Amino acid sequence: MTMASNEIKQTNNENTKKNRIQVSNTKKPLFFYVNLAKRYLQQHKEVELSALGMAITTVVTISEILKNNGFVNEKSIVTSSIGMKDPAKGCIVHKARVS
């Protein structure tokens, strides 16, 4: 999900890559990502949240917290699926992705 602060519009692609947060549902607590997104917004005026599989619900929760507290406006939601090789099974596994 890409979000921008109230006064800033779309920035160039270079800036978008610097302000991307890849969220995991197991590595860090929810409010670690909320606070990180707030810091990114102060630095870049825009933040992109990205997640795979089960972490998608965490991204949705983070974005709702930021929206409800007036830090961001949602700009776009992009969903897709990607194929990843499962090292245990040796086959390709498709995972949902949101950004």
Protein backbone atom coordinates (compact mmCIF):
# COMPACT_ATOMS: atom_id res chain seq x y z
CA MET A 1 0.00 0.00 0.00
CA THR A 2 1.38 3.36 -0.92
CA MET A 3 0.42 6.26 1.29
CA ALA A 4 1.29 9.94 1.31
CA SER A 5 1.01 12.67 3.89
CA ASN A 6 -1.87 15.09 3.36
CA GLU A 7 0.11 17.80 1.57
CA ILE A 8 2.48 15.80 -0.66
CA LYS A 9 1.61 14.01 -3.92
CA GLN A 10 3.43 11.28 -5.90
CA THR A 11 7.25 11.43 -5.87
CA ASN A 12 9.71 9.88 -8.31
CA ASN A 13 10.57 6.17 -8.35
CA GLU A 14 13.97 6.66 -6.69
CA ASN A 15 12.34 8.15 -3.61
CA THR A 16 9.71 5.39 -3.55
CA LYS A 17 12.37 2.69 -3.22
CA LYS A 18 14.04 4.51 -0.31
CA ASN A 19 10.80 4.66 1.63
CA ARG A 20 9.57 1.07 1.23
CA ILE A 21 8.94 -0.98 4.36
CA GLN A 22 8.77 -4.73 3.90
CA VAL A 23 6.59 -6.02 6.71
CA SER A 24 6.89 -9.42 8.35
CA ASN A 25 4.29 -10.81 10.72
CA THR A 26 6.88 -12.69 12.78
CA LYS A 27 10.05 -10.58 13.00
CA LYS A 28 8.90 -7.34 14.63
CA PRO A 29 5.87 -6.22 16.64
CA LEU A 30 3.09 -4.25 14.95
CA PHE A 31 3.93 -0.90 16.54
CA PHE A 32 7.56 -1.18 15.46
CA TYR A 33 6.28 -0.84 11.88
CA VAL A 34 3.81 1.92 12.79
CA ASN A 35 6.58 3.99 14.37
CA LEU A 36 8.95 3.22 11.50
CA ALA A 37 6.32 4.39 9.00
CA LYS A 38 5.91 7.65 10.96
CA ARG A 39 9.68 8.25 10.78
CA TYR A 40 9.70 7.50 7.04
CA LEU A 41 6.85 9.98 6.55
CA GLN A 42 8.87 12.69 8.31
CA GLN A 43 11.88 12.01 6.09
CA HIS A 44 10.25 11.24 2.73
CA LYS A 45 6.64 12.53 3.02
CA GLU A 46 5.52 9.17 1.60
CA VAL A 47 5.83 5.52 2.64
CA GLU A 48 5.19 2.26 0.80
CA LEU A 49 4.22 -0.79 2.82
CA SER A 50 4.83 -4.21 1.28
CA ALA A 51 4.15 -7.75 2.51
CA LEU A 52 3.80 -11.36 1.44
CA GLY A 53 1.34 -14.02 2.55
CA MET A 54 0.24 -13.88 6.18
CA ALA A 55 1.95 -10.50 6.73
CA ILE A 56 -0.66 -8.81 4.50
CA THR A 57 -3.07 -8.51 7.44
CA THR A 58 -0.31 -6.74 9.40
CA VAL A 59 0.13 -4.21 6.56
CA VAL A 60 -3.61 -3.56 6.48
CA THR A 61 -3.64 -2.99 10.26
CA ILE A 62 -0.64 -0.63 10.07
CA SER A 63 -2.23 1.38 7.27
CA GLU A 64 -5.53 1.65 9.14
CA ILE A 65 -3.76 2.90 12.28
CA LEU A 66 -1.90 5.53 10.24
CA LYS A 67 -5.07 6.59 8.39
CA ASN A 68 -7.25 6.77 11.53
CA ASN A 69 -4.68 8.95 13.28
CA GLY A 70 -4.47 11.36 10.32
CA PHE A 71 -0.88 10.64 9.34
CA VAL A 72 -1.62 9.47 5.79
CA ASN A 73 -4.06 9.24 2.93
CA GLU A 74 -4.14 5.94 1.08
CA LYS A 75 -2.99 6.38 -2.52
CA SER A 76 -3.05 2.91 -4.03
CA ILE A 77 -3.22 -0.78 -3.26
CA VAL A 78 -1.51 -3.24 -5.58
CA THR A 79 -2.09 -6.98 -5.18
CA SER A 80 -0.33 -9.76 -7.00
CA SER A 81 1.10 -13.22 -6.50
CA ILE A 82 4.69 -14.33 -6.80
CA GLY A 83 6.26 -17.74 -7.20
CA MET A 84 8.89 -18.66 -4.63
CA LYS A 85 10.90 -21.86 -4.44
CA ASP A 86 10.19 -23.84 -1.28
CA PRO A 87 13.59 -25.18 -0.17
CA ALA A 88 12.02 -28.02 1.85
CA LYS A 89 9.83 -29.32 -0.97
CA GLY A 90 11.90 -28.15 -3.93
CA CYS A 91 8.87 -26.84 -5.80
CA ILE A 92 7.46 -23.42 -6.63
CA VAL A 93 4.94 -22.04 -4.13
CA HIS A 94 2.72 -19.07 -5.03
CA LYS A 95 2.28 -16.38 -2.37
CA ALA A 96 -0.03 -13.39 -2.27
CA ARG A 97 1.66 -9.98 -2.27
CA VAL A 98 0.38 -6.51 -1.47
CA SER A 99 2.16 -3.19 -1.87
